[in-house]
């Protein structure tokens, strides 16, 4: 379990660094649609991942 937590922490740190230093190089327009997509997309992706995992789980 500790290995999993370390992996999640490491991946989170990498994503944070990528956002902090890489995001300014992308020209993303500041519209309501863009913000809505950025806010809702992680939840949708997580729902898809959990749905896929539950369908392929062996009980």
C-alpha atoms as a PDB file:
ATOM      1  CA  UNK A   1       0.000   0.000   0.000  1.00  0.00           C
ATOM      2  CA  UNK A   2       2.859   2.386   0.759  1.00  0.00           C
ATOM      3  CA  UNK A   3       4.305   1.842  -2.720  1.00  0.00           C
ATOM      4  CA  UNK A   4       0.983   2.834  -4.276  1.00  0.00           C
ATOM      5  CA  UNK A   5       0.849   6.026  -2.204  1.00  0.00           C
ATOM      6  CA  UNK A   6       4.411   6.915  -3.209  1.00  0.00           C
ATOM      7  CA  UNK A   7       3.549   6.336  -6.883  1.00  0.00           C
ATOM      8  CA  UNK A   8       0.464   8.550  -6.655  1.00  0.00           C
ATOM      9  CA  UNK A   9       2.456  11.244  -4.850  1.00  0.00           C
ATOM     10  CA  UNK A  10       5.219  11.107  -7.463  1.00  0.00           C
ATOM     11  CA  UNK A  11       2.808  11.271 -10.380  1.00  0.00           C
ATOM     12  CA  UNK A  12       1.001  14.176  -8.734  1.00  0.00           C
ATOM     13  CA  UNK A  13       4.287  16.020  -8.278  1.00  0.00           C
ATOM     14  CA  UNK A  14       5.228  15.475 -11.938  1.00  0.00           C
ATOM     15  CA  UNK A  15       1.853  16.739 -13.123  1.00  0.00           C
ATOM     16  CA  UNK A  16       2.160  19.795 -10.865  1.00  0.00           C
ATOM     17  CA  UNK A  17       5.603  20.628 -12.242  1.00  0.00           C
ATOM     18  CA  UNK A  18       4.378  20.132 -15.812  1.00  0.00           C
ATOM     19  CA  UNK A  19       1.456  22.479 -15.214  1.00  0.00           C
ATOM     20  CA  UNK A  20       3.585  25.106 -13.475  1.00  0.00           C
ATOM     21  CA  UNK A  21       6.378  25.246 -16.033  1.00  0.00           C
ATOM     22  CA  UNK A  22       4.722  23.935 -19.196  1.00  0.00           C
ATOM     23  CA  UNK A  23       1.316  25.599 -19.147  1.00  0.00           C
ATOM     24  CA  UNK A  24       2.524  29.141 -19.946  1.00  0.00           C
ATOM     25  CA  UNK A  25       3.794  27.901 -23.321  1.00  0.00           C
ATOM     26  CA  UNK A  26       0.305  26.899 -24.468  1.00  0.00           C
ATOM     27  CA  UNK A  27      -2.000  29.584 -25.823  1.00  0.00           C
ATOM     28  CA  UNK A  28      -5.350  28.588 -24.339  1.00  0.00           C
ATOM     29  CA  UNK A  29      -8.195  31.054 -24.770  1.00  0.00           C
ATOM     30  CA  UNK A  30      -9.903  32.183 -21.581  1.00  0.00           C
ATOM     31  CA  UNK A  31     -13.517  31.339 -22.349  1.00  0.00           C
ATOM     32  CA  UNK A  32     -16.289  29.880 -20.236  1.00  0.00           C
ATOM     33  CA  UNK A  33     -16.284  26.743 -22.376  1.00  0.00           C
ATOM     34  CA  UNK A  34     -12.581  26.138 -21.793  1.00  0.00           C
ATOM     35  CA  UNK A  35     -12.981  26.555 -18.045  1.00  0.00           C
ATOM     36  CA  UNK A  36     -15.995  24.244 -17.988  1.00  0.00           C
ATOM     37  CA  UNK A  37     -14.085  21.553 -19.881  1.00  0.00           C
ATOM     38  CA  UNK A  38     -11.070  21.873 -17.578  1.00  0.00           C
ATOM     39  CA  UNK A  39     -13.259  21.564 -14.474  1.00  0.00           C
ATOM     40  CA  UNK A  40     -15.527  18.728 -15.634  1.00  0.00           C
ATOM     41  CA  UNK A  41     -13.042  16.614 -17.620  1.00  0.00           C
ATOM     42  CA  UNK A  42     -11.196  15.052 -14.633  1.00  0.00           C
ATOM     43  CA  UNK A  43     -14.496  13.874 -13.124  1.00  0.00           C
ATOM     44  CA  UNK A  44     -15.632  12.413 -16.430  1.00  0.00           C
ATOM     45  CA  UNK A  45     -12.315  10.625 -16.948  1.00  0.00           C
ATOM     46  CA  UNK A  46     -12.443   9.216 -13.411  1.00  0.00           C
ATOM     47  CA  UNK A  47     -16.013   8.017 -13.951  1.00  0.00           C
ATOM     48  CA  UNK A  48     -14.976   6.275 -17.173  1.00  0.00           C
ATOM     49  CA  UNK A  49     -11.961   4.661 -15.486  1.00  0.00           C
ATOM     50  CA  UNK A  50     -13.979   3.427 -12.505  1.00  0.00           C
ATOM     51  CA  UNK A  51     -16.769   2.181 -14.754  1.00  0.00           C
ATOM     52  CA  UNK A  52     -14.296   0.274 -16.914  1.00  0.00           C
ATOM     53  CA  UNK A  53     -12.590  -1.150 -13.837  1.00  0.00           C
ATOM     54  CA  UNK A  54     -15.849  -2.304 -12.244  1.00  0.00           C
ATOM     55  CA  UNK A  55     -16.922  -4.054 -15.443  1.00  0.00           C
ATOM     56  CA  UNK A  56     -13.639  -5.936 -15.679  1.00  0.00           C
ATOM     57  CA  UNK A  57     -13.326  -6.764 -11.986  1.00  0.00           C
ATOM     58  CA  UNK A  58     -13.315 -10.379 -10.929  1.00  0.00           C
ATOM     59  CA  UNK A  59     -15.310 -11.106  -7.812  1.00  0.00           C
END
